[in-house]
Amino acid sequence: MTAMMLDDSEASDAELIGRARGGDRGAFGKLLERHYGFVYRAAYRWCGRKADAEDIAQDVCVRLGRAIRDYQGNGVFTTWLYAMTLNASRDMMRKRARDSAKTEAFGTYALIAGEGSAEAQDPAEALWAAVRMLPDKQRDAVLLVYGEGLSHAAAAEVMAMSEATVSWHIHEAKKRLKLLMRSAGEV
C-alpha cells in the first residue's frame, strides 16, 4: 500500500465520521472516546448531578450510534453533538420532573421527622442550581455561553436562533438570576 494511513489518534473527526458511517466500529469507538468528556461535561452542567450526567452521556452515545448516518457535515460536529446532548438532557429532565413530586414529598417528610439534614450549599453550586430553574431558553443560553464557553454566535447555532435572541435570553437570565439569588440569600 503506497498511501500511509493515519492511525485513529491522528484521524480527523470528519475522517472518523466517514468511516463510522460506513460501519467501522473502531472509528465510531474512537469518535466516542474523543468526545465523551465533552458530552459528559455538557450534560453535567445541564443537570447538575453526576449520575444523571453519566446516564445522559450514555444515552447520547446510543443516540449517536443511530444518528451518525444522518450527520450531513454541514456544521461543526461538536455543535451537532452538543444539540444532541441538550435534547437528551431535556428528555432526562422531563422524566425527572415526572418523578420528582414523590421524591420531594419524601424529602420534606424526612426533614420534618428529623431524619434528614439540610446541608450548606456551595455558592457556585447554588448559582448553577438557580440556572437550572430558569425558563428553558434562558437556561440553555446561560449553560452554552457561561458553562461551555461558547460565543453568542456559536450558542445561536446550537439553539437554532439568532445571535441577538441569544443575547436577549442571556440578559433576561441575568436579571432573573439576580432575583433568584437574592431571594435565596446568596447576594
N, C-alpha and C. Protein backbone atom coordinates (compact mmCIF):
# COMPACT_ATOMS: atom_id res chain seq x y z
N MET A 1 0.85 -1.16 0.00
CA MET A 1 0.00 0.00 0.00
C MET A 1 0.90 1.23 0.00
N THR A 2 0.70 2.13 -0.93
CA THR A 2 1.57 3.29 -1.05
C THR A 2 1.15 4.45 -0.18
N ALA A 3 -0.14 4.58 0.07
CA ALA A 3 -0.61 5.69 0.90
C ALA A 3 -0.49 5.31 2.37
N MET A 4 0.04 6.23 3.14
CA MET A 4 0.15 5.98 4.56
C MET A 4 -1.17 6.31 5.23
N MET A 5 -1.70 5.38 6.00
CA MET A 5 -2.98 5.59 6.70
C MET A 5 -2.69 6.26 8.04
N LEU A 6 -3.52 7.19 8.40
CA LEU A 6 -3.42 7.81 9.72
C LEU A 6 -3.98 6.83 10.74
N ASP A 7 -3.33 6.74 11.89
CA ASP A 7 -3.97 5.91 12.91
C ASP A 7 -5.12 6.71 13.51
N ASP A 8 -5.97 6.04 14.29
CA ASP A 8 -7.19 6.69 14.79
C ASP A 8 -6.90 7.91 15.67
N SER A 9 -5.76 7.94 16.36
CA SER A 9 -5.48 9.09 17.22
C SER A 9 -5.15 10.33 16.40
N GLU A 10 -4.71 10.15 15.15
CA GLU A 10 -4.38 11.27 14.29
C GLU A 10 -5.50 11.59 13.31
N ALA A 11 -6.48 10.72 13.19
CA ALA A 11 -7.57 10.92 12.24
C ALA A 11 -8.43 12.10 12.66
N SER A 12 -8.88 12.86 11.69
CA SER A 12 -9.77 13.99 11.98
C SER A 12 -11.17 13.47 12.31
N ASP A 13 -11.97 14.33 12.92
CA ASP A 13 -13.36 13.96 13.19
C ASP A 13 -14.06 13.59 11.89
N ALA A 14 -13.83 14.37 10.84
CA ALA A 14 -14.50 14.12 9.57
C ALA A 14 -14.15 12.72 9.03
N GLU A 15 -12.87 12.35 9.14
CA GLU A 15 -12.47 11.03 8.67
C GLU A 15 -13.11 9.93 9.51
N LEU A 16 -13.09 10.11 10.84
CA LEU A 16 -13.70 9.11 11.72
C LEU A 16 -15.20 8.99 11.47
N ILE A 17 -15.86 10.11 11.25
CA ILE A 17 -17.30 10.10 10.97
C ILE A 17 -17.57 9.35 9.67
N GLY A 18 -16.79 9.64 8.65
CA GLY A 18 -16.96 8.95 7.37
C GLY A 18 -16.80 7.45 7.51
N ARG A 19 -15.78 7.05 8.25
CA ARG A 19 -15.55 5.62 8.45
C ARG A 19 -16.65 5.00 9.32
N ALA A 20 -17.09 5.73 10.34
CA ALA A 20 -18.17 5.22 11.21
C ALA A 20 -19.47 5.08 10.43
N ARG A 21 -19.75 6.03 9.56
CA ARG A 21 -20.96 5.94 8.72
C ARG A 21 -20.91 4.72 7.82
N GLY A 22 -19.72 4.30 7.49
CA GLY A 22 -19.53 3.12 6.65
C GLY A 22 -19.52 1.82 7.45
N GLY A 23 -19.73 1.91 8.75
CA GLY A 23 -19.81 0.70 9.57
C GLY A 23 -18.55 0.35 10.34
N ASP A 24 -17.53 1.19 10.33
CA ASP A 24 -16.29 0.92 11.05
C ASP A 24 -16.50 1.17 12.54
N ARG A 25 -16.61 0.10 13.30
CA ARG A 25 -16.87 0.22 14.75
C ARG A 25 -15.69 0.83 15.49
N GLY A 26 -14.50 0.55 15.04
CA GLY A 26 -13.31 1.13 15.67
C GLY A 26 -13.30 2.65 15.55
N ALA A 27 -13.65 3.15 14.36
CA ALA A 27 -13.70 4.60 14.15
C ALA A 27 -14.80 5.22 15.01
N PHE A 28 -15.94 4.53 15.10
CA PHE A 28 -17.03 5.03 15.95
C PHE A 28 -16.58 5.06 17.41
N GLY A 29 -15.91 4.01 17.85
CA GLY A 29 -15.41 3.97 19.22
C GLY A 29 -14.43 5.09 19.51
N LYS A 30 -13.54 5.36 18.55
CA LYS A 30 -12.56 6.44 18.73
C LYS A 30 -13.27 7.79 18.78
N LEU A 31 -14.29 7.96 17.98
CA LEU A 31 -15.07 9.20 17.98
C LEU A 31 -15.74 9.39 19.35
N LEU A 32 -16.31 8.33 19.88
CA LEU A 32 -16.92 8.38 21.21
C LEU A 32 -15.88 8.71 22.27
N GLU A 33 -14.75 8.02 22.19
CA GLU A 33 -13.68 8.24 23.17
C GLU A 33 -13.20 9.69 23.14
N ARG A 34 -13.09 10.24 21.95
CA ARG A 34 -12.60 11.60 21.77
C ARG A 34 -13.58 12.64 22.34
N HIS A 35 -14.89 12.38 22.25
CA HIS A 35 -15.87 13.40 22.61
C HIS A 35 -16.70 13.08 23.85
N TYR A 36 -16.44 11.95 24.50
CA TYR A 36 -17.24 11.58 25.67
C TYR A 36 -17.12 12.61 26.79
N GLY A 37 -15.93 13.10 27.05
CA GLY A 37 -15.73 14.10 28.11
C GLY A 37 -16.53 15.37 27.83
N PHE A 38 -16.54 15.79 26.59
CA PHE A 38 -17.32 16.96 26.18
C PHE A 38 -18.80 16.75 26.45
N VAL A 39 -19.31 15.57 26.06
CA VAL A 39 -20.73 15.25 26.26
C VAL A 39 -21.05 15.19 27.75
N TYR A 40 -20.22 14.51 28.51
CA TYR A 40 -20.45 14.38 29.95
C TYR A 40 -20.46 15.75 30.62
N ARG A 41 -19.47 16.58 30.30
CA ARG A 41 -19.36 17.92 30.91
C ARG A 41 -20.60 18.76 30.59
N ALA A 42 -21.04 18.72 29.34
CA ALA A 42 -22.23 19.48 28.95
C ALA A 42 -23.46 18.96 29.69
N ALA A 43 -23.59 17.65 29.79
CA ALA A 43 -24.73 17.06 30.49
C ALA A 43 -24.70 17.42 31.97
N TYR A 44 -23.52 17.40 32.57
CA TYR A 44 -23.40 17.74 33.99
C TYR A 44 -23.80 19.18 34.24
N ARG A 45 -23.33 20.06 33.39
CA ARG A 45 -23.71 21.48 33.55
C ARG A 45 -25.22 21.64 33.46
N TRP A 46 -25.82 20.85 32.59
CA TRP A 46 -27.25 20.98 32.37
C TRP A 46 -28.05 20.43 33.54
N CYS A 47 -27.65 19.29 34.09
CA CYS A 47 -28.47 18.65 35.12
C CYS A 47 -27.91 18.80 36.53
N GLY A 48 -26.61 18.95 36.68
CA GLY A 48 -26.02 19.18 38.00
C GLY A 48 -25.83 17.95 38.87
N ARG A 49 -26.04 16.77 38.32
CA ARG A 49 -25.87 15.54 39.09
C ARG A 49 -25.00 14.57 38.30
N LYS A 50 -24.00 14.02 39.00
CA LYS A 50 -23.05 13.13 38.34
C LYS A 50 -23.75 11.92 37.73
N ALA A 51 -24.60 11.26 38.49
CA ALA A 51 -25.27 10.05 37.99
C ALA A 51 -26.15 10.36 36.78
N ASP A 52 -26.86 11.48 36.84
CA ASP A 52 -27.71 11.86 35.70
C ASP A 52 -26.86 12.21 34.49
N ALA A 53 -25.75 12.90 34.72
CA ALA A 53 -24.86 13.26 33.61
C ALA A 53 -24.29 12.01 32.95
N GLU A 54 -23.95 11.01 33.76
CA GLU A 54 -23.46 9.74 33.20
C GLU A 54 -24.55 9.07 32.37
N ASP A 55 -25.79 9.07 32.89
CA ASP A 55 -26.90 8.47 32.14
C ASP A 55 -27.14 9.20 30.83
N ILE A 56 -27.10 10.52 30.88
CA ILE A 56 -27.31 11.32 29.68
C ILE A 56 -26.20 11.05 28.67
N ALA A 57 -24.96 11.01 29.13
CA ALA A 57 -23.84 10.76 28.23
C ALA A 57 -23.98 9.38 27.57
N GLN A 58 -24.40 8.40 28.34
CA GLN A 58 -24.60 7.07 27.76
C GLN A 58 -25.73 7.10 26.73
N ASP A 59 -26.80 7.83 27.05
CA ASP A 59 -27.91 7.95 26.12
C ASP A 59 -27.46 8.61 24.82
N VAL A 60 -26.62 9.63 24.94
CA VAL A 60 -26.10 10.31 23.74
C VAL A 60 -25.26 9.35 22.91
N CYS A 61 -24.47 8.51 23.57
CA CYS A 61 -23.66 7.52 22.84
C CYS A 61 -24.56 6.58 22.04
N VAL A 62 -25.65 6.13 22.65
CA VAL A 62 -26.58 5.25 21.95
C VAL A 62 -27.24 6.00 20.80
N ARG A 63 -27.69 7.22 21.08
CA ARG A 63 -28.34 8.02 20.03
C ARG A 63 -27.37 8.30 18.88
N LEU A 64 -26.12 8.55 19.22
CA LEU A 64 -25.12 8.84 18.19
C LEU A 64 -24.94 7.63 17.28
N GLY A 65 -24.98 6.45 17.86
CA GLY A 65 -24.86 5.24 17.05
C GLY A 65 -25.94 5.15 15.99
N ARG A 66 -27.15 5.60 16.35
CA ARG A 66 -28.27 5.58 15.39
C ARG A 66 -28.22 6.77 14.45
N ALA A 67 -27.73 7.91 14.93
CA ALA A 67 -27.84 9.15 14.17
C ALA A 67 -26.61 9.48 13.32
N ILE A 68 -25.51 8.80 13.52
CA ILE A 68 -24.27 9.16 12.81
C ILE A 68 -24.46 9.12 11.30
N ARG A 69 -25.30 8.23 10.82
CA ARG A 69 -25.54 8.15 9.36
C ARG A 69 -26.28 9.37 8.84
N ASP A 70 -27.02 10.06 9.72
CA ASP A 70 -27.78 11.23 9.32
C ASP A 70 -26.96 12.52 9.37
N TYR A 71 -25.79 12.47 10.00
CA TYR A 71 -24.96 13.67 10.10
C TYR A 71 -24.49 14.06 8.70
N GLN A 72 -24.84 15.27 8.30
CA GLN A 72 -24.53 15.74 6.95
C GLN A 72 -23.19 16.46 6.84
N GLY A 73 -22.63 16.85 7.96
CA GLY A 73 -21.35 17.54 7.91
C GLY A 73 -21.46 19.01 7.55
N ASN A 74 -22.67 19.56 7.59
CA ASN A 74 -22.86 20.96 7.23
C ASN A 74 -22.31 21.92 8.27
N GLY A 75 -22.27 21.48 9.53
CA GLY A 75 -21.76 22.32 10.60
C GLY A 75 -20.65 21.60 11.33
N VAL A 76 -20.18 22.20 12.38
CA VAL A 76 -19.15 21.60 13.20
C VAL A 76 -19.75 20.40 13.94
N PHE A 77 -19.05 19.30 13.97
CA PHE A 77 -19.55 18.08 14.59
C PHE A 77 -19.90 18.31 16.06
N THR A 78 -19.07 19.05 16.78
CA THR A 78 -19.34 19.26 18.20
C THR A 78 -20.61 20.09 18.42
N THR A 79 -20.94 20.96 17.50
CA THR A 79 -22.18 21.72 17.61
C THR A 79 -23.37 20.77 17.46
N TRP A 80 -23.30 19.88 16.50
CA TRP A 80 -24.35 18.88 16.29
C TRP A 80 -24.44 17.96 17.51
N LEU A 81 -23.29 17.55 18.03
CA LEU A 81 -23.23 16.68 19.20
C LEU A 81 -23.77 17.39 20.44
N TYR A 82 -23.49 18.68 20.55
CA TYR A 82 -23.99 19.45 21.68
C TYR A 82 -25.51 19.54 21.63
N ALA A 83 -26.06 19.77 20.45
CA ALA A 83 -27.52 19.82 20.32
C ALA A 83 -28.13 18.47 20.70
N MET A 84 -27.48 17.38 20.31
CA MET A 84 -27.96 16.05 20.68
C MET A 84 -27.90 15.87 22.20
N THR A 85 -26.85 16.38 22.82
CA THR A 85 -26.70 16.29 24.28
C THR A 85 -27.78 17.11 24.98
N LEU A 86 -28.06 18.30 24.48
CA LEU A 86 -29.12 19.11 25.08
C LEU A 86 -30.48 18.41 24.97
N ASN A 87 -30.75 17.81 23.84
CA ASN A 87 -32.01 17.08 23.69
C ASN A 87 -32.10 15.92 24.66
N ALA A 88 -31.03 15.17 24.81
CA ALA A 88 -31.02 14.05 25.76
C ALA A 88 -31.17 14.56 27.19
N SER A 89 -30.55 15.70 27.48
CA SER A 89 -30.67 16.30 28.82
C SER A 89 -32.10 16.73 29.09
N ARG A 90 -32.71 17.36 28.11
CA ARG A 90 -34.11 17.78 28.27
C ARG A 90 -35.02 16.57 28.49
N ASP A 91 -34.78 15.50 27.74
CA ASP A 91 -35.58 14.28 27.92
C ASP A 91 -35.42 13.74 29.34
N MET A 92 -34.19 13.71 29.84
CA MET A 92 -33.93 13.22 31.20
C MET A 92 -34.61 14.13 32.23
N MET A 93 -34.52 15.42 32.02
CA MET A 93 -35.12 16.35 32.98
C MET A 93 -36.64 16.23 32.98
N ARG A 94 -37.24 16.00 31.83
CA ARG A 94 -38.69 15.79 31.79
C ARG A 94 -39.06 14.56 32.59
N LYS A 95 -38.28 13.51 32.43
CA LYS A 95 -38.53 12.27 33.17
C LYS A 95 -38.36 12.52 34.66
N ARG A 96 -37.31 13.22 35.03
CA ARG A 96 -37.10 13.53 36.45
C ARG A 96 -38.22 14.39 37.02
N ALA A 97 -38.72 15.33 36.22
CA ALA A 97 -39.81 16.18 36.70
C ALA A 97 -41.05 15.36 37.01
N ARG A 98 -41.31 14.34 36.18
CA ARG A 98 -42.46 13.48 36.43
C ARG A 98 -42.29 12.70 37.73
N ASP A 99 -41.06 12.33 38.04
CA ASP A 99 -40.79 11.52 39.22
C ASP A 99 -40.49 12.34 40.48
N SER A 100 -40.25 13.63 40.32
CA SER A 100 -39.75 14.43 41.44
C SER A 100 -40.79 14.72 42.53
N ALA A 101 -42.06 14.73 42.20
CA ALA A 101 -43.06 15.03 43.22
C ALA A 101 -42.98 14.05 44.38
N LYS A 102 -42.83 12.78 44.08
CA LYS A 102 -42.72 11.77 45.14
C LYS A 102 -41.45 11.96 45.95
N THR A 103 -40.36 12.21 45.27
CA THR A 103 -39.08 12.38 45.95
C THR A 103 -39.10 13.61 46.85
N GLU A 104 -39.64 14.71 46.35
CA GLU A 104 -39.71 15.93 47.15
C GLU A 104 -40.60 15.74 48.37
N ALA A 105 -41.70 15.06 48.20
CA ALA A 105 -42.59 14.81 49.33
C ALA A 105 -41.87 13.99 50.40
N PHE A 106 -41.14 12.97 50.01
CA PHE A 106 -40.40 12.16 50.97
C PHE A 106 -39.32 12.99 51.65
N GLY A 107 -38.61 13.81 50.88
CA GLY A 107 -37.55 14.65 51.45
C GLY A 107 -38.09 15.62 52.48
N THR A 108 -39.22 16.22 52.19
CA THR A 108 -39.85 17.14 53.13
C THR A 108 -40.25 16.39 54.39
N TYR A 109 -40.82 15.22 54.22
CA TYR A 109 -41.21 14.40 55.37
C TYR A 109 -39.98 14.05 56.22
N ALA A 110 -38.90 13.68 55.57
CA ALA A 110 -37.68 13.29 56.29
C ALA A 110 -37.12 14.46 57.08
N LEU A 111 -37.14 15.65 56.51
CA LEU A 111 -36.66 16.83 57.24
C LEU A 111 -37.56 17.13 58.44
N ILE A 112 -38.87 17.03 58.25
CA ILE A 112 -39.80 17.30 59.34
C ILE A 112 -39.63 16.26 60.45
N ALA A 113 -39.45 15.01 60.05
CA ALA A 113 -39.30 13.93 61.01
C ALA A 113 -37.91 13.90 61.64
N GLY A 114 -37.01 14.75 61.16
CA GLY A 114 -35.67 14.81 61.72
C GLY A 114 -34.74 13.75 61.19
N GLU A 115 -35.11 13.08 60.11
CA GLU A 115 -34.29 12.01 59.55
C GLU A 115 -33.29 12.53 58.53
N GLY A 116 -33.46 13.72 58.05
CA GLY A 116 -32.56 14.28 57.04
C GLY A 116 -31.93 15.54 57.57
N SER A 117 -31.03 16.08 56.83
CA SER A 117 -30.41 17.34 57.24
C SER A 117 -30.27 18.24 56.03
N ALA A 118 -30.48 19.52 56.28
CA ALA A 118 -30.28 20.49 55.21
C ALA A 118 -28.80 20.87 55.22
N GLU A 119 -28.08 20.52 54.16
CA GLU A 119 -26.65 20.76 54.10
C GLU A 119 -26.38 22.14 53.53
N ALA A 120 -25.31 22.75 54.03
CA ALA A 120 -24.89 24.03 53.47
C ALA A 120 -24.44 23.80 52.03
N GLN A 121 -24.81 24.71 51.17
CA GLN A 121 -24.54 24.51 49.75
C GLN A 121 -23.41 25.43 49.29
N ASP A 122 -22.59 24.91 48.41
CA ASP A 122 -21.52 25.66 47.79
C ASP A 122 -22.15 26.81 46.98
N PRO A 123 -21.65 28.05 47.12
CA PRO A 123 -22.25 29.17 46.38
C PRO A 123 -22.26 28.97 44.87
N ALA A 124 -21.21 28.36 44.32
CA ALA A 124 -21.18 28.13 42.88
C ALA A 124 -22.26 27.13 42.49
N GLU A 125 -22.44 26.08 43.30
CA GLU A 125 -23.48 25.09 43.01
C GLU A 125 -24.86 25.72 43.18
N ALA A 126 -25.00 26.63 44.16
CA ALA A 126 -26.27 27.33 44.34
C ALA A 126 -26.60 28.15 43.09
N LEU A 127 -25.59 28.77 42.50
CA LEU A 127 -25.81 29.54 41.28
C LEU A 127 -26.23 28.62 40.14
N TRP A 128 -25.54 27.48 39.96
CA TRP A 128 -25.91 26.56 38.88
C TRP A 128 -27.29 25.96 39.14
N ALA A 129 -27.63 25.75 40.39
CA ALA A 129 -28.98 25.25 40.71
C ALA A 129 -30.02 26.30 40.30
N ALA A 130 -29.71 27.57 40.54
CA ALA A 130 -30.61 28.65 40.13
C ALA A 130 -30.70 28.72 38.61
N VAL A 131 -29.59 28.51 37.92
CA VAL A 131 -29.59 28.50 36.45
C VAL A 131 -30.53 27.41 35.95
N ARG A 132 -30.50 26.25 36.60
CA ARG A 132 -31.37 25.15 36.17
C ARG A 132 -32.85 25.44 36.42
N MET A 133 -33.15 26.47 37.22
CA MET A 133 -34.54 26.86 37.47
C MET A 133 -35.05 27.86 36.44
N LEU A 134 -34.19 28.38 35.61
CA LEU A 134 -34.59 29.37 34.60
C LEU A 134 -35.47 28.73 33.54
N PRO A 135 -36.25 29.55 32.84
CA PRO A 135 -37.00 29.03 31.68
C PRO A 135 -36.03 28.40 30.68
N ASP A 136 -36.51 27.43 29.91
CA ASP A 136 -35.67 26.61 29.03
C ASP A 136 -34.67 27.40 28.19
N LYS A 137 -35.13 28.36 27.44
CA LYS A 137 -34.24 29.06 26.51
C LYS A 137 -33.20 29.90 27.25
N GLN A 138 -33.59 30.52 28.36
CA GLN A 138 -32.63 31.28 29.15
C GLN A 138 -31.59 30.34 29.76
N ARG A 139 -32.04 29.22 30.29
CA ARG A 139 -31.13 28.24 30.89
C ARG A 139 -30.15 27.72 29.84
N ASP A 140 -30.66 27.36 28.67
CA ASP A 140 -29.80 26.84 27.61
C ASP A 140 -28.76 27.88 27.20
N ALA A 141 -29.18 29.12 27.05
CA ALA A 141 -28.25 30.18 26.64
C ALA A 141 -27.15 30.37 27.68
N VAL A 142 -27.51 30.40 28.95
CA VAL A 142 -26.52 30.57 30.02
C VAL A 142 -25.57 29.38 30.06
N LEU A 143 -26.11 28.17 29.96
CA LEU A 143 -25.26 26.98 30.01
C LEU A 143 -24.29 26.94 28.83
N LEU A 144 -24.76 27.32 27.66
CA LEU A 144 -23.89 27.30 26.49
C LEU A 144 -22.81 28.37 26.56
N VAL A 145 -23.20 29.59 26.95
CA VAL A 145 -22.25 30.71 26.94
C VAL A 145 -21.33 30.67 28.15
N TYR A 146 -21.88 30.51 29.35
CA TYR A 146 -21.05 30.56 30.55
C TYR A 146 -20.57 29.18 31.00
N GLY A 147 -21.38 28.17 30.81
CA GLY A 147 -20.97 26.84 31.22
C GLY A 147 -20.00 26.20 30.26
N GLU A 148 -20.23 26.39 28.96
CA GLU A 148 -19.39 25.77 27.95
C GLU A 148 -18.43 26.73 27.28
N GLY A 149 -18.59 28.02 27.53
CA GLY A 149 -17.68 29.00 26.96
C GLY A 149 -17.88 29.28 25.49
N LEU A 150 -19.07 28.98 24.97
CA LEU A 150 -19.35 29.26 23.57
C LEU A 150 -19.61 30.75 23.37
N SER A 151 -19.34 31.24 22.20
CA SER A 151 -19.69 32.62 21.87
C SER A 151 -21.21 32.69 21.69
N HIS A 152 -21.74 33.88 21.68
CA HIS A 152 -23.18 34.04 21.44
C HIS A 152 -23.54 33.48 20.06
N ALA A 153 -22.65 33.67 19.09
CA ALA A 153 -22.91 33.17 17.73
C ALA A 153 -22.96 31.64 17.71
N ALA A 154 -22.02 30.99 18.40
CA ALA A 154 -22.00 29.53 18.44
C ALA A 154 -23.22 28.99 19.20
N ALA A 155 -23.58 29.67 20.29
CA ALA A 155 -24.77 29.26 21.04
C ALA A 155 -26.02 29.42 20.19
N ALA A 156 -26.05 30.47 19.39
CA ALA A 156 -27.19 30.69 18.50
C ALA A 156 -27.32 29.55 17.50
N GLU A 157 -26.19 29.05 17.00
CA GLU A 157 -26.22 27.93 16.06
C GLU A 157 -26.77 26.67 16.73
N VAL A 158 -26.32 26.40 17.96
CA VAL A 158 -26.81 25.23 18.69
C VAL A 158 -28.29 25.34 18.98
N MET A 159 -28.73 26.54 19.37
CA MET A 159 -30.13 26.75 19.76
C MET A 159 -31.04 27.05 18.58
N ALA A 160 -30.48 27.14 17.39
CA ALA A 160 -31.24 27.42 16.17
C ALA A 160 -32.04 28.72 16.28
N MET A 161 -31.33 29.79 16.64
CA MET A 161 -31.94 31.11 16.73
C MET A 161 -30.88 32.15 16.42
N SER A 162 -31.28 33.40 16.36
CA SER A 162 -30.33 34.46 16.02
C SER A 162 -29.43 34.78 17.22
N GLU A 163 -28.28 35.34 16.91
CA GLU A 163 -27.34 35.74 17.95
C GLU A 163 -27.96 36.79 18.87
N ALA A 164 -28.73 37.72 18.29
CA ALA A 164 -29.39 38.76 19.10
C ALA A 164 -30.37 38.14 20.09
N THR A 165 -31.06 37.09 19.68
CA THR A 165 -32.02 36.42 20.56
C THR A 165 -31.29 35.73 21.71
N VAL A 166 -30.15 35.12 21.42
CA VAL A 166 -29.35 34.51 22.49
C VAL A 166 -28.92 35.59 23.48
N SER A 167 -28.46 36.73 22.97
CA SER A 167 -28.03 37.82 23.84
C SER A 167 -29.18 38.31 24.71
N TRP A 168 -30.37 38.38 24.15
CA TRP A 168 -31.55 38.79 24.92
C TRP A 168 -31.85 37.78 26.02
N HIS A 169 -31.77 36.48 25.69
CA HIS A 169 -32.01 35.44 26.70
C HIS A 169 -30.98 35.52 27.82
N ILE A 170 -29.74 35.80 27.49
CA ILE A 170 -28.68 35.97 28.50
C ILE A 170 -29.01 37.15 29.40
N HIS A 171 -29.40 38.25 28.80
CA HIS A 171 -29.74 39.46 29.56
C HIS A 171 -30.89 39.19 30.53
N GLU A 172 -31.94 38.55 30.02
CA GLU A 172 -33.11 38.24 30.87
C GLU A 172 -32.73 37.24 31.97
N ALA A 173 -31.87 36.29 31.63
CA ALA A 173 -31.44 35.29 32.62
C ALA A 173 -30.66 35.96 33.75
N LYS A 174 -29.80 36.92 33.42
CA LYS A 174 -29.03 37.62 34.45
C LYS A 174 -29.96 38.36 35.41
N LYS A 175 -30.98 39.00 34.87
CA LYS A 175 -31.93 39.70 35.73
C LYS A 175 -32.66 38.72 36.65
N ARG A 176 -33.10 37.61 36.08
CA ARG A 176 -33.84 36.61 36.84
C ARG A 176 -32.94 35.94 37.88
N LEU A 177 -31.70 35.65 37.50
CA LEU A 177 -30.77 35.02 38.44
C LEU A 177 -30.47 35.93 39.63
N LYS A 178 -30.36 37.21 39.35
CA LYS A 178 -30.12 38.16 40.43
C LYS A 178 -31.26 38.10 41.45
N LEU A 179 -32.50 38.03 40.96
CA LEU A 179 -33.65 37.92 41.85
C LEU A 179 -33.66 36.58 42.59
N LEU A 180 -33.39 35.50 41.87
CA LEU A 180 -33.38 34.18 42.49
C LEU A 180 -32.32 34.08 43.58
N MET A 181 -31.13 34.58 43.29
CA MET A 181 -30.05 34.50 44.26
C MET A 181 -30.31 35.43 45.46
N ARG A 182 -30.91 36.57 45.20
CA ARG A 182 -31.25 37.48 46.29
C ARG A 182 -32.29 36.83 47.21
N SER A 183 -33.31 36.20 46.62
CA SER A 183 -34.34 35.57 47.45
C SER A 183 -33.80 34.37 48.22
N ALA A 184 -32.73 33.75 47.72
CA ALA A 184 -32.11 32.63 48.41
C ALA A 184 -31.07 33.11 49.43
N GLY A 185 -30.87 34.43 49.49
CA GLY A 185 -29.93 34.98 50.44
C GLY A 185 -28.48 34.86 50.03
N GLU A 186 -28.22 34.61 48.75
CA GLU A 186 -26.86 34.42 48.26
C GLU A 186 -26.21 35.72 47.84
N VAL A 187 -26.99 36.77 47.56
CA VAL A 187 -26.40 38.02 47.06
C VAL A 187 -26.44 39.08 48.12
